[in-house]
Amino acid sequence: MNFKTLSLLFAAAAVIAGCNQQPTENTQTYTSGCTQILVDESLAPIVEDQLYVFESSYPQAKIQLVNKPENELLKLFLNDSIRIAVLSRELKPEEAAFYERKKIKVRVNRFAIDGVALITHNSTADTSVNVADVIGVMQGKPGKIKKLIFDNPNSSTVRYLKELAGIKQLPTAGVYALKSNPDVIKYVRLNPGTVGVVGINWIEQPTEELEPVVADLKVLSVKNLPGKPGSDGYYRPSQNDIATGMYPLTRNLYIINCQGRAGLGTGFASFLASDRGQRIVLKSGLLPDSIPPREVLIRK
């Protein structure tokens, strides 16, 4: 277990202890107090990176991250259990209406663009795949991809590719869901020929435990459907290919704040959008919402 992980565990313990002793809504500022934030499980690495720096900068701020698959996260969010969430999509009108009926403004800030990565074992001969192949296996059709492995049946990556394929239910064969992103990474390593679906951050910045596992994997290049950007070649979920719109499997990342008042949710959202927060996104392998400028010193 690395130092960052230990720090996050201690911080979570402090949140639970501190927030059980006093009401949080009345004691929060932008950089102090305690709160909870729901996080789409597939986005956990980038949010943990951001939280580590945020809490290091503001020791009086204690935030507990509650990582859940998208469907489970939304149930908590729309039951008013926790009012801040990090998602890979905006709320639907009927979902936003839950808070609007309470006269609470839904504040949405995009802070990054993620590449949905298709991974396979290094021993697999293929280095590329077409979006048509992905749609085909999602629709239950035989094709190039024999086994497509997801993190969780309730996850945002499943929802994303179901929408891409235009289906409501997963097929009974060819597509399998496990429990988490680490499970997908480990499964693909042990089962050459399978293709896993994960957020690129899990590959670019793996945990210490996953580093040797990721070393045995490769990220497939993807070609888009005819007539769409990225249909002229095979592109990787790199920052450049995401920025140019050539990589076809991308999704926006948002922090959604429904606290209804100024507090830690607002402070953390502001930090994500700040130059410092955007540099953390840049370092993670994701594309920042606004690319931080580079200062070049020219000496005579």
C-alpha atoms as a PDB file:
ATOM      1  CA  MET A   1       0.000   0.000   0.000  1.00  0.00           C
ATOM      2  CA  ASN A   2       1.588   3.307  -1.074  1.00  0.00           C
ATOM      3  CA  PHE A   3       1.795   6.578   0.869  1.00  0.00           C
ATOM      4  CA  LYS A   4      -1.011   8.261  -1.095  1.00  0.00           C
ATOM      5  CA  THR A   5      -3.393   5.380  -0.403  1.00  0.00           C
ATOM      6  CA  LEU A   6      -2.535   5.411   3.295  1.00  0.00           C
ATOM      7  CA  SER A   7      -3.098   9.161   3.430  1.00  0.00           C
ATOM      8  CA  LEU A   8      -6.525   8.789   1.832  1.00  0.00           C
ATOM      9  CA  LEU A   9      -7.478   6.060   4.314  1.00  0.00           C
ATOM     10  CA  PHE A  10      -6.440   8.222   7.272  1.00  0.00           C
ATOM     11  CA  ALA A  11      -8.324  11.171   5.759  1.00  0.00           C
ATOM     12  CA  ALA A  12     -11.459   9.062   5.356  1.00  0.00           C
ATOM     13  CA  ALA A  13     -11.213   7.961   8.994  1.00  0.00           C
ATOM     14  CA  ALA A  14     -10.863  11.590  10.055  1.00  0.00           C
ATOM     15  CA  VAL A  15     -13.936  12.545   8.022  1.00  0.00           C
ATOM     16  CA  ILE A  16     -16.056   9.860   9.647  1.00  0.00           C
ATOM     17  CA  ALA A  17     -14.873  10.710  13.141  1.00  0.00           C
ATOM     18  CA  GLY A  18     -15.099  14.470  12.708  1.00  0.00           C
ATOM     19  CA  CYS A  19     -18.411  14.556  10.849  1.00  0.00           C
ATOM     20  CA  ASN A  20     -20.047  12.278  13.405  1.00  0.00           C
ATOM     21  CA  GLN A  21     -19.304  14.843  16.086  1.00  0.00           C
ATOM     22  CA  GLN A  22     -20.737  17.961  14.481  1.00  0.00           C
ATOM     23  CA  PRO A  23     -23.194  18.970  11.749  1.00  0.00           C
ATOM     24  CA  THR A  24     -21.311  19.592   8.525  1.00  0.00           C
ATOM     25  CA  GLU A  25     -23.656  21.832   6.530  1.00  0.00           C
ATOM     26  CA  ASN A  26     -23.365  24.707   8.985  1.00  0.00           C
ATOM     27  CA  THR A  27     -19.601  24.551   9.472  1.00  0.00           C
ATOM     28  CA  GLN A  28     -18.303  24.235   5.917  1.00  0.00           C
ATOM     29  CA  THR A  29     -16.365  26.837   3.975  1.00  0.00           C
ATOM     30  CA  TYR A  30     -14.713  26.454   0.575  1.00  0.00           C
ATOM     31  CA  THR A  31     -11.592  25.005   2.222  1.00  0.00           C
ATOM     32  CA  SER A  32     -12.637  23.684   5.624  1.00  0.00           C
ATOM     33  CA  GLY A  33     -15.148  21.395   7.272  1.00  0.00           C
ATOM     34  CA  CYS A  34     -16.098  17.888   6.259  1.00  0.00           C
ATOM     35  CA  THR A  35     -18.323  16.336   3.633  1.00  0.00           C
ATOM     36  CA  GLN A  36     -18.803  13.295   1.414  1.00  0.00           C
ATOM     37  CA  ILE A  37     -18.545  13.084  -2.371  1.00  0.00           C
ATOM     38  CA  LEU A  38     -20.001  10.287  -4.474  1.00  0.00           C
ATOM     39  CA  VAL A  39     -17.570   9.137  -7.171  1.00  0.00           C
ATOM     40  CA  ASP A  40     -18.185   6.968 -10.204  1.00  0.00           C
ATOM     41  CA  GLU A  41     -15.972   3.978  -9.422  1.00  0.00           C
ATOM     42  CA  SER A  42     -14.401   4.024 -12.891  1.00  0.00           C
ATOM     43  CA  LEU A  43     -13.151   7.581 -12.233  1.00  0.00           C
ATOM     44  CA  ALA A  44     -11.701   6.916  -8.787  1.00  0.00           C
ATOM     45  CA  PRO A  45      -7.952   7.301  -9.647  1.00  0.00           C
ATOM     46  CA  ILE A  46      -8.190  10.886 -10.953  1.00  0.00           C
ATOM     47  CA  VAL A  47     -10.485  12.025  -8.117  1.00  0.00           C
ATOM     48  CA  GLU A  48      -8.183  10.439  -5.512  1.00  0.00           C
ATOM     49  CA  ASP A  49      -5.224  12.285  -7.049  1.00  0.00           C
ATOM     50  CA  GLN A  50      -7.113  15.572  -6.856  1.00  0.00           C
ATOM     51  CA  LEU A  51      -8.267  14.971  -3.287  1.00  0.00           C
ATOM     52  CA  TYR A  52      -4.748  14.134  -2.097  1.00  0.00           C
ATOM     53  CA  VAL A  53      -3.421  17.513  -3.301  1.00  0.00           C
ATOM     54  CA  PHE A  54      -6.535  19.430  -2.175  1.00  0.00           C
ATOM     55  CA  GLU A  55      -6.387  18.129   1.395  1.00  0.00           C
ATOM     56  CA  SER A  56      -2.613  18.610   1.514  1.00  0.00           C
ATOM     57  CA  SER A  57      -3.187  22.252   0.593  1.00  0.00           C
ATOM     58  CA  TYR A  58      -6.153  22.745   2.953  1.00  0.00           C
ATOM     59  CA  PRO A  59      -5.624  20.646   6.114  1.00  0.00           C
ATOM     60  CA  GLN A  60      -8.946  21.806   7.594  1.00  0.00           C
ATOM     61  CA  ALA A  61     -10.846  20.189   4.697  1.00  0.00           C
ATOM     62  CA  LYS A  62     -11.850  16.563   5.223  1.00  0.00           C
ATOM     63  CA  ILE A  63     -13.605  14.834   2.310  1.00  0.00           C
ATOM     64  CA  GLN A  64     -14.682  11.210   2.228  1.00  0.00           C
ATOM     65  CA  LEU A  65     -14.962   9.706  -1.252  1.00  0.00           C
ATOM     66  CA  VAL A  66     -17.759   7.169  -1.643  1.00  0.00           C
ATOM     67  CA  ASN A  67     -16.916   5.118  -4.747  1.00  0.00           C
ATOM     68  CA  LYS A  68     -19.883   3.388  -6.385  1.00  0.00           C
ATOM     69  CA  PRO A  69     -20.944   2.086  -9.815  1.00  0.00           C
ATOM     70  CA  GLU A  70     -22.983   4.729 -11.646  1.00  0.00           C
ATOM     71  CA  ASN A  71     -26.431   3.226 -11.033  1.00  0.00           C
ATOM     72  CA  GLU A  72     -25.823   2.763  -7.296  1.00  0.00           C
ATOM     73  CA  LEU A  73     -24.301   6.235  -7.047  1.00  0.00           C
ATOM     74  CA  LEU A  74     -27.348   7.867  -8.632  1.00  0.00           C
ATOM     75  CA  LYS A  75     -29.699   6.141  -6.188  1.00  0.00           C
ATOM     76  CA  LEU A  76     -27.829   7.730  -3.284  1.00  0.00           C
ATOM     77  CA  PHE A  77     -27.548  11.082  -5.051  1.00  0.00           C
ATOM     78  CA  LEU A  78     -31.234  11.253  -5.920  1.00  0.00           C
ATOM     79  CA  ASN A  79     -32.315  10.130  -2.459  1.00  0.00           C
ATOM     80  CA  ASP A  80     -30.608  13.217  -1.016  1.00  0.00           C
ATOM     81  CA  SER A  81     -28.127  11.020   0.881  1.00  0.00           C
ATOM     82  CA  ILE A  82     -25.026  12.787  -0.490  1.00  0.00           C
ATOM     83  CA  ARG A  83     -25.337  16.003  -2.523  1.00  0.00           C
ATOM     84  CA  ILE A  84     -22.032  16.091  -4.433  1.00  0.00           C
ATOM     85  CA  ALA A  85     -21.145  13.606  -7.171  1.00  0.00           C
ATOM     86  CA  VAL A  86     -18.479  13.024  -9.821  1.00  0.00           C
ATOM     87  CA  LEU A  87     -20.033  11.459 -12.922  1.00  0.00           C
ATOM     88  CA  SER A  88     -19.253  10.805 -16.580  1.00  0.00           C
ATOM     89  CA  ARG A  89     -22.518  12.400 -17.665  1.00  0.00           C
ATOM     90  CA  GLU A  90     -24.805  15.258 -16.709  1.00  0.00           C
ATOM     91  CA  LEU A  91     -28.086  14.675 -14.916  1.00  0.00           C
ATOM     92  CA  LYS A  92     -31.120  13.975 -17.068  1.00  0.00           C
ATOM     93  CA  PRO A  93     -33.937  16.556 -16.793  1.00  0.00           C
ATOM     94  CA  GLU A  94     -36.050  14.234 -14.646  1.00  0.00           C
ATOM     95  CA  GLU A  95     -33.069  13.636 -12.340  1.00  0.00           C
ATOM     96  CA  ALA A  96     -32.250  17.330 -11.994  1.00  0.00           C
ATOM     97  CA  ALA A  97     -35.917  17.962 -11.191  1.00  0.00           C
ATOM     98  CA  PHE A  98     -35.463  16.151  -7.868  1.00  0.00           C
ATOM     99  CA  TYR A  99     -33.316  19.030  -6.589  1.00  0.00           C
ATOM    100  CA  GLU A 100     -35.086  21.754  -8.521  1.00  0.00           C
ATOM    101  CA  ARG A 101     -38.302  20.900  -6.665  1.00  0.00           C
ATOM    102  CA  LYS A 102     -36.375  21.626  -3.475  1.00  0.00           C
ATOM    103  CA  LYS A 103     -35.345  25.014  -4.905  1.00  0.00           C
ATOM    104  CA  ILE A 104     -31.720  23.831  -5.012  1.00  0.00           C
ATOM    105  CA  LYS A 105     -29.592  24.930  -7.965  1.00  0.00           C
ATOM    106  CA  VAL A 106     -27.781  22.092  -9.739  1.00  0.00           C
ATOM    107  CA  ARG A 107     -24.217  23.283 -10.338  1.00  0.00           C
ATOM    108  CA  VAL A 108     -22.355  21.327 -13.030  1.00  0.00           C
ATOM    109  CA  ASN A 109     -18.672  21.746 -13.897  1.00  0.00           C
ATOM    110  CA  ARG A 110     -16.797  19.727 -16.499  1.00  0.00           C
ATOM    111  CA  PHE A 111     -13.175  19.221 -15.440  1.00  0.00           C
ATOM    112  CA  ALA A 112     -11.782  16.555 -17.808  1.00  0.00           C
ATOM    113  CA  ILE A 113     -12.357  14.326 -20.831  1.00  0.00           C
ATOM    114  CA  ASP A 114     -11.698  10.625 -20.366  1.00  0.00           C
ATOM    115  CA  GLY A 115     -10.771   8.022 -22.957  1.00  0.00           C
ATOM    116  CA  VAL A 116     -12.547   4.683 -22.572  1.00  0.00           C
ATOM    117  CA  ALA A 117      -9.707   2.231 -23.165  1.00  0.00           C
ATOM    118  CA  LEU A 118      -9.921  -1.245 -24.662  1.00  0.00           C
ATOM    119  CA  ILE A 119      -7.167  -3.409 -23.209  1.00  0.00           C
ATOM    120  CA  THR A 120      -5.842  -6.872 -24.009  1.00  0.00           C
ATOM    121  CA  HIS A 121      -2.889  -9.098 -23.134  1.00  0.00           C
ATOM    122  CA  ASN A 122       0.476  -8.294 -24.694  1.00  0.00           C
ATOM    123  CA  SER A 123       0.564 -11.758 -26.276  1.00  0.00           C
ATOM    124  CA  THR A 124      -2.562 -11.026 -28.330  1.00  0.00           C
ATOM    125  CA  ALA A 125      -1.666 -10.492 -31.977  1.00  0.00           C
ATOM    126  CA  ASP A 126      -4.225  -7.734 -32.550  1.00  0.00           C
ATOM    127  CA  THR A 127      -3.213  -4.165 -31.807  1.00  0.00           C
ATOM    128  CA  SER A 128      -6.337  -2.452 -33.127  1.00  0.00           C
ATOM    129  CA  VAL A 129     -10.118  -2.766 -33.329  1.00  0.00           C
ATOM    130  CA  ASN A 130     -13.006  -1.037 -35.091  1.00  0.00           C
ATOM    131  CA  VAL A 131     -15.931   0.606 -33.296  1.00  0.00           C
ATOM    132  CA  ALA A 132     -18.092  -1.637 -35.496  1.00  0.00           C
ATOM    133  CA  ASP A 133     -16.484  -4.662 -33.794  1.00  0.00           C
ATOM    134  CA  VAL A 134     -17.372  -3.269 -30.366  1.00  0.00           C
ATOM    135  CA  ILE A 135     -20.954  -2.549 -31.418  1.00  0.00           C
ATOM    136  CA  GLY A 136     -21.212  -6.017 -32.921  1.00  0.00           C
ATOM    137  CA  VAL A 137     -20.274  -7.861 -29.735  1.00  0.00           C
ATOM    138  CA  MET A 138     -22.539  -5.560 -27.694  1.00  0.00           C
ATOM    139  CA  GLN A 139     -25.406  -6.544 -29.999  1.00  0.00           C
ATOM    140  CA  GLY A 140     -24.610 -10.234 -29.564  1.00  0.00           C
ATOM    141  CA  LYS A 141     -23.207 -10.719 -33.066  1.00  0.00           C
ATOM    142  CA  PRO A 142     -20.197 -12.985 -33.759  1.00  0.00           C
ATOM    143  CA  GLY A 143     -17.085 -11.103 -34.782  1.00  0.00           C
ATOM    144  CA  LYS A 144     -13.520 -10.162 -34.036  1.00  0.00           C
ATOM    145  CA  ILE A 145     -14.041  -9.643 -30.284  1.00  0.00           C
ATOM    146  CA  LYS A 146     -14.838 -12.941 -28.586  1.00  0.00           C
ATOM    147  CA  LYS A 147     -15.107 -11.723 -24.976  1.00  0.00           C
ATOM    148  CA  LEU A 148     -15.668  -8.127 -23.852  1.00  0.00           C
ATOM    149  CA  ILE A 149     -15.120  -7.642 -20.113  1.00  0.00           C
ATOM    150  CA  PHE A 150     -16.674  -4.792 -18.082  1.00  0.00           C
ATOM    151  CA  ASP A 151     -16.075  -3.622 -14.531  1.00  0.00           C
ATOM    152  CA  ASN A 152     -19.643  -3.879 -13.222  1.00  0.00           C
ATOM    153  CA  PRO A 153     -23.114  -4.415 -14.724  1.00  0.00           C
ATOM    154  CA  ASN A 154     -24.211  -1.098 -13.152  1.00  0.00           C
ATOM    155  CA  SER A 155     -21.203   0.904 -14.301  1.00  0.00           C
ATOM    156  CA  SER A 156     -20.958   3.986 -16.487  1.00  0.00           C
ATOM    157  CA  THR A 157     -18.794   2.132 -19.035  1.00  0.00           C
ATOM    158  CA  VAL A 158     -21.572  -0.426 -19.553  1.00  0.00           C
ATOM    159  CA  ARG A 159     -24.134   2.373 -19.935  1.00  0.00           C
ATOM    160  CA  TYR A 160     -21.816   4.236 -22.341  1.00  0.00           C
ATOM    161  CA  LEU A 161     -21.320   1.286 -24.700  1.00  0.00           C
ATOM    162  CA  LYS A 162     -24.976   0.223 -24.481  1.00  0.00           C
ATOM    163  CA  GLU A 163     -25.912   3.699 -25.717  1.00  0.00           C
ATOM    164  CA  LEU A 164     -23.263   3.464 -28.450  1.00  0.00           C
ATOM    165  CA  ALA A 165     -24.632   0.101 -29.585  1.00  0.00           C
ATOM    166  CA  GLY A 166     -28.279   1.204 -29.263  1.00  0.00           C
ATOM    167  CA  ILE A 167     -29.274  -1.643 -26.929  1.00  0.00           C
ATOM    168  CA  LYS A 168     -31.195  -1.825 -23.649  1.00  0.00           C
ATOM    169  CA  GLN A 169     -29.910  -5.166 -22.362  1.00  0.00           C
ATOM    170  CA  LEU A 170     -26.528  -6.876 -22.567  1.00  0.00           C
ATOM    171  CA  PRO A 171     -26.383 -10.001 -24.743  1.00  0.00           C
ATOM    172  CA  THR A 172     -26.343 -13.413 -23.072  1.00  0.00           C
ATOM    173  CA  ALA A 173     -22.959 -14.299 -24.587  1.00  0.00           C
ATOM    174  CA  GLY A 174     -19.748 -12.474 -25.449  1.00  0.00           C
ATOM    175  CA  VAL A 175     -20.112  -9.702 -22.858  1.00  0.00           C
ATOM    176  CA  TYR A 176     -19.297 -10.200 -19.178  1.00  0.00           C
ATOM    177  CA  ALA A 177     -19.307  -7.914 -16.139  1.00  0.00           C
ATOM    178  CA  LEU A 178     -17.182  -8.404 -13.041  1.00  0.00           C
ATOM    179  CA  LYS A 179     -17.114  -6.223  -9.906  1.00  0.00           C
ATOM    180  CA  SER A 180     -14.484  -3.500 -10.429  1.00  0.00           C
ATOM    181  CA  ASN A 181     -11.858  -2.029 -12.755  1.00  0.00           C
ATOM    182  CA  PRO A 182      -8.993  -3.848 -10.976  1.00  0.00           C
ATOM    183  CA  ASP A 183     -10.917  -7.099 -11.534  1.00  0.00           C
ATOM    184  CA  VAL A 184     -11.079  -6.360 -15.286  1.00  0.00           C
ATOM    185  CA  ILE A 185      -7.351  -5.630 -15.462  1.00  0.00           C
ATOM    186  CA  LYS A 186      -6.453  -8.829 -13.594  1.00  0.00           C
ATOM    187  CA  TYR A 187      -8.874 -10.949 -15.642  1.00  0.00           C
ATOM    188  CA  VAL A 188      -7.522  -9.747 -18.988  1.00  0.00           C
ATOM    189  CA  ARG A 189      -3.995 -10.505 -17.860  1.00  0.00           C
ATOM    190  CA  LEU A 190      -4.936 -14.082 -16.946  1.00  0.00           C
ATOM    191  CA  ASN A 191      -7.056 -14.624 -20.056  1.00  0.00           C
ATOM    192  CA  PRO A 192      -5.230 -13.683 -23.286  1.00  0.00           C
ATOM    193  CA  GLY A 193      -7.605 -12.996 -26.157  1.00  0.00           C
ATOM    194  CA  THR A 194     -10.165 -11.180 -24.036  1.00  0.00           C
ATOM    195  CA  VAL A 195     -10.747  -7.417 -24.308  1.00  0.00           C
ATOM    196  CA  GLY A 196     -11.345  -5.317 -21.190  1.00  0.00           C
ATOM    197  CA  VAL A 197     -13.061  -1.936 -20.915  1.00  0.00           C
ATOM    198  CA  VAL A 198     -11.619   0.580 -18.405  1.00  0.00           C
ATOM    199  CA  GLY A 199     -11.035   4.306 -18.013  1.00  0.00           C
ATOM    200  CA  ILE A 200      -7.573   5.189 -19.366  1.00  0.00           C
ATOM    201  CA  ASN A 201      -6.501   6.567 -15.977  1.00  0.00           C
ATOM    202  CA  TRP A 202      -6.459   3.011 -14.577  1.00  0.00           C
ATOM    203  CA  ILE A 203      -3.771   2.160 -17.146  1.00  0.00           C
ATOM    204  CA  GLU A 204      -1.806   5.428 -17.153  1.00  0.00           C
ATOM    205  CA  GLN A 205      -1.562   5.626 -13.352  1.00  0.00           C
ATOM    206  CA  PRO A 206      -2.162   2.148 -11.894  1.00  0.00           C
ATOM    207  CA  THR A 207      -1.957   1.485  -8.182  1.00  0.00           C
ATOM    208  CA  GLU A 208       1.207  -0.127  -6.839  1.00  0.00           C
ATOM    209  CA  GLU A 209      -0.590  -3.473  -6.741  1.00  0.00           C
ATOM    210  CA  LEU A 210      -1.688  -3.210 -10.377  1.00  0.00           C
ATOM    211  CA  GLU A 211       1.602  -1.942 -11.862  1.00  0.00           C
ATOM    212  CA  PRO A 212       3.042  -5.406 -12.674  1.00  0.00           C
ATOM    213  CA  VAL A 213      -0.346  -6.501 -14.038  1.00  0.00           C
ATOM    214  CA  VAL A 214      -0.699  -3.475 -16.330  1.00  0.00           C
ATOM    215  CA  ALA A 215       2.839  -4.085 -17.612  1.00  0.00           C
ATOM    216  CA  ASP A 216       1.543  -7.275 -19.270  1.00  0.00           C
ATOM    217  CA  LEU A 217      -1.276  -5.452 -21.076  1.00  0.00           C
ATOM    218  CA  LYS A 218      -1.604  -3.184 -24.095  1.00  0.00           C
ATOM    219  CA  VAL A 219      -4.168  -0.592 -25.123  1.00  0.00           C
ATOM    220  CA  LEU A 220      -5.831  -1.191 -28.473  1.00  0.00           C
ATOM    221  CA  SER A 221      -6.043   1.512 -31.127  1.00  0.00           C
ATOM    222  CA  VAL A 222      -9.598   2.178 -32.327  1.00  0.00           C
ATOM    223  CA  LYS A 223     -11.032   3.160 -35.720  1.00  0.00           C
ATOM    224  CA  ASN A 224     -14.374   4.959 -35.825  1.00  0.00           C
ATOM    225  CA  LEU A 225     -17.438   4.210 -37.963  1.00  0.00           C
ATOM    226  CA  PRO A 226     -17.307   5.393 -41.616  1.00  0.00           C
ATOM    227  CA  GLY A 227     -18.035   9.081 -42.042  1.00  0.00           C
ATOM    228  CA  LYS A 228     -17.192  10.000 -38.454  1.00  0.00           C
ATOM    229  CA  PRO A 229     -14.054  11.678 -37.050  1.00  0.00           C
ATOM    230  CA  GLY A 230     -11.370   9.059 -36.563  1.00  0.00           C
ATOM    231  CA  SER A 231     -12.625   6.816 -39.378  1.00  0.00           C
ATOM    232  CA  ASP A 232      -9.499   7.380 -41.471  1.00  0.00           C
ATOM    233  CA  GLY A 233      -7.175   5.401 -39.199  1.00  0.00           C
ATOM    234  CA  TYR A 234      -6.626   3.806 -35.822  1.00  0.00           C
ATOM    235  CA  TYR A 235      -6.243   6.089 -32.813  1.00  0.00           C
ATOM    236  CA  ARG A 236      -5.284   5.616 -29.190  1.00  0.00           C
ATOM    237  CA  PRO A 237      -6.831   7.207 -26.072  1.00  0.00           C
ATOM    238  CA  SER A 238      -3.899   9.616 -25.851  1.00  0.00           C
ATOM    239  CA  GLN A 239      -4.344  13.243 -24.848  1.00  0.00           C
ATOM    240  CA  ASN A 240      -3.551  14.372 -28.398  1.00  0.00           C
ATOM    241  CA  ASP A 241      -6.021  12.022 -30.089  1.00  0.00           C
ATOM    242  CA  ILE A 242      -8.717  12.898 -27.547  1.00  0.00           C
ATOM    243  CA  ALA A 243      -8.073  16.637 -28.000  1.00  0.00           C
ATOM    244  CA  THR A 244      -8.322  16.425 -31.809  1.00  0.00           C
ATOM    245  CA  GLY A 245     -11.503  14.338 -31.596  1.00  0.00           C
ATOM    246  CA  MET A 246      -9.920  11.424 -33.444  1.00  0.00           C
ATOM    247  CA  TYR A 247     -10.235   8.849 -30.659  1.00  0.00           C
ATOM    248  CA  PRO A 248     -13.883   7.749 -30.854  1.00  0.00           C
ATOM    249  CA  LEU A 249     -14.525   6.471 -27.304  1.00  0.00           C
ATOM    250  CA  THR A 250     -14.505   9.511 -25.037  1.00  0.00           C
ATOM    251  CA  ARG A 251     -16.678  10.890 -22.248  1.00  0.00           C
ATOM    252  CA  ASN A 252     -16.835  14.137 -20.298  1.00  0.00           C
ATOM    253  CA  LEU A 253     -16.209  14.106 -16.549  1.00  0.00           C
ATOM    254  CA  TYR A 254     -18.313  16.375 -14.318  1.00  0.00           C
ATOM    255  CA  ILE A 255     -18.549  17.350 -10.695  1.00  0.00           C
ATOM    256  CA  ILE A 256     -22.202  18.000  -9.832  1.00  0.00           C
ATOM    257  CA  ASN A 257     -22.911  20.011  -6.687  1.00  0.00           C
ATOM    258  CA  CYS A 258     -26.401  20.179  -5.178  1.00  0.00           C
ATOM    259  CA  GLN A 259     -25.489  21.387  -1.710  1.00  0.00           C
ATOM    260  CA  GLY A 260     -27.578  24.494  -2.201  1.00  0.00           C
ATOM    261  CA  ARG A 261     -25.034  26.665  -0.430  1.00  0.00           C
ATOM    262  CA  ALA A 262     -21.369  27.586  -0.536  1.00  0.00           C
ATOM    263  CA  GLY A 263     -19.289  24.829   1.000  1.00  0.00           C
ATOM    264  CA  LEU A 264     -16.630  22.210   0.387  1.00  0.00           C
ATOM    265  CA  GLY A 265     -18.390  21.034  -2.766  1.00  0.00           C
ATOM    266  CA  THR A 266     -17.931  24.476  -4.287  1.00  0.00           C
ATOM    267  CA  GLY A 267     -14.343  24.647  -3.062  1.00  0.00           C
ATOM    268  CA  PHE A 268     -13.401  21.252  -4.482  1.00  0.00           C
ATOM    269  CA  ALA A 269     -15.124  22.013  -7.800  1.00  0.00           C
ATOM    270  CA  SER A 270     -13.191  25.287  -8.024  1.00  0.00           C
ATOM    271  CA  PHE A 271      -9.964  23.419  -7.291  1.00  0.00           C
ATOM    272  CA  LEU A 272     -10.650  20.909 -10.093  1.00  0.00           C
ATOM    273  CA  ALA A 273     -11.128  23.803 -12.539  1.00  0.00           C
ATOM    274  CA  SER A 274      -8.092  25.729 -11.292  1.00  0.00           C
ATOM    275  CA  ASP A 275      -4.712  25.728 -13.019  1.00  0.00           C
ATOM    276  CA  ARG A 276      -3.399  23.364 -10.354  1.00  0.00           C
ATOM    277  CA  GLY A 277      -6.319  20.959 -10.676  1.00  0.00           C
ATOM    278  CA  GLN A 278      -6.079  20.965 -14.465  1.00  0.00           C
ATOM    279  CA  ARG A 279      -2.359  20.180 -14.279  1.00  0.00           C
ATOM    280  CA  ILE A 280      -3.200  17.120 -12.165  1.00  0.00           C
ATOM    281  CA  VAL A 281      -5.622  16.036 -14.908  1.00  0.00           C
ATOM    282  CA  LEU A 282      -2.913  16.614 -17.535  1.00  0.00           C
ATOM    283  CA  LYS A 283      -0.418  14.500 -15.598  1.00  0.00           C
ATOM    284  CA  SER A 284      -2.973  11.694 -15.178  1.00  0.00           C
ATOM    285  CA  GLY A 285      -3.269  11.000 -18.901  1.00  0.00           C
ATOM    286  CA  LEU A 286      -6.777  12.440 -19.222  1.00  0.00           C
ATOM    287  CA  LEU A 287      -7.476  15.612 -21.188  1.00  0.00           C
ATOM    288  CA  PRO A 288      -8.045  18.723 -19.030  1.00  0.00           C
ATOM    289  CA  ASP A 289     -11.153  20.810 -19.632  1.00  0.00           C
ATOM    290  CA  SER A 290      -8.814  23.785 -20.121  1.00  0.00           C
ATOM    291  CA  ILE A 291      -5.226  22.985 -21.009  1.00  0.00           C
ATOM    292  CA  PRO A 292      -2.849  24.798 -18.619  1.00  0.00           C
ATOM    293  CA  PRO A 293      -0.504  27.242 -20.368  1.00  0.00           C
ATOM    294  CA  ARG A 294       3.218  26.550 -20.518  1.00  0.00           C
ATOM    295  CA  GLU A 295       5.649  29.337 -19.721  1.00  0.00           C
ATOM    296  CA  VAL A 296       8.817  29.284 -21.795  1.00  0.00           C
ATOM    297  CA  LEU A 297      11.747  31.365 -20.546  1.00  0.00           C
ATOM    298  CA  ILE A 298      13.976  32.525 -23.408  1.00  0.00           C
ATOM    299  CA  ARG A 299      17.464  33.553 -22.387  1.00  0.00           C
ATOM    300  CA  LYS A 300      19.618  35.780 -24.548  1.00  0.00           C
END
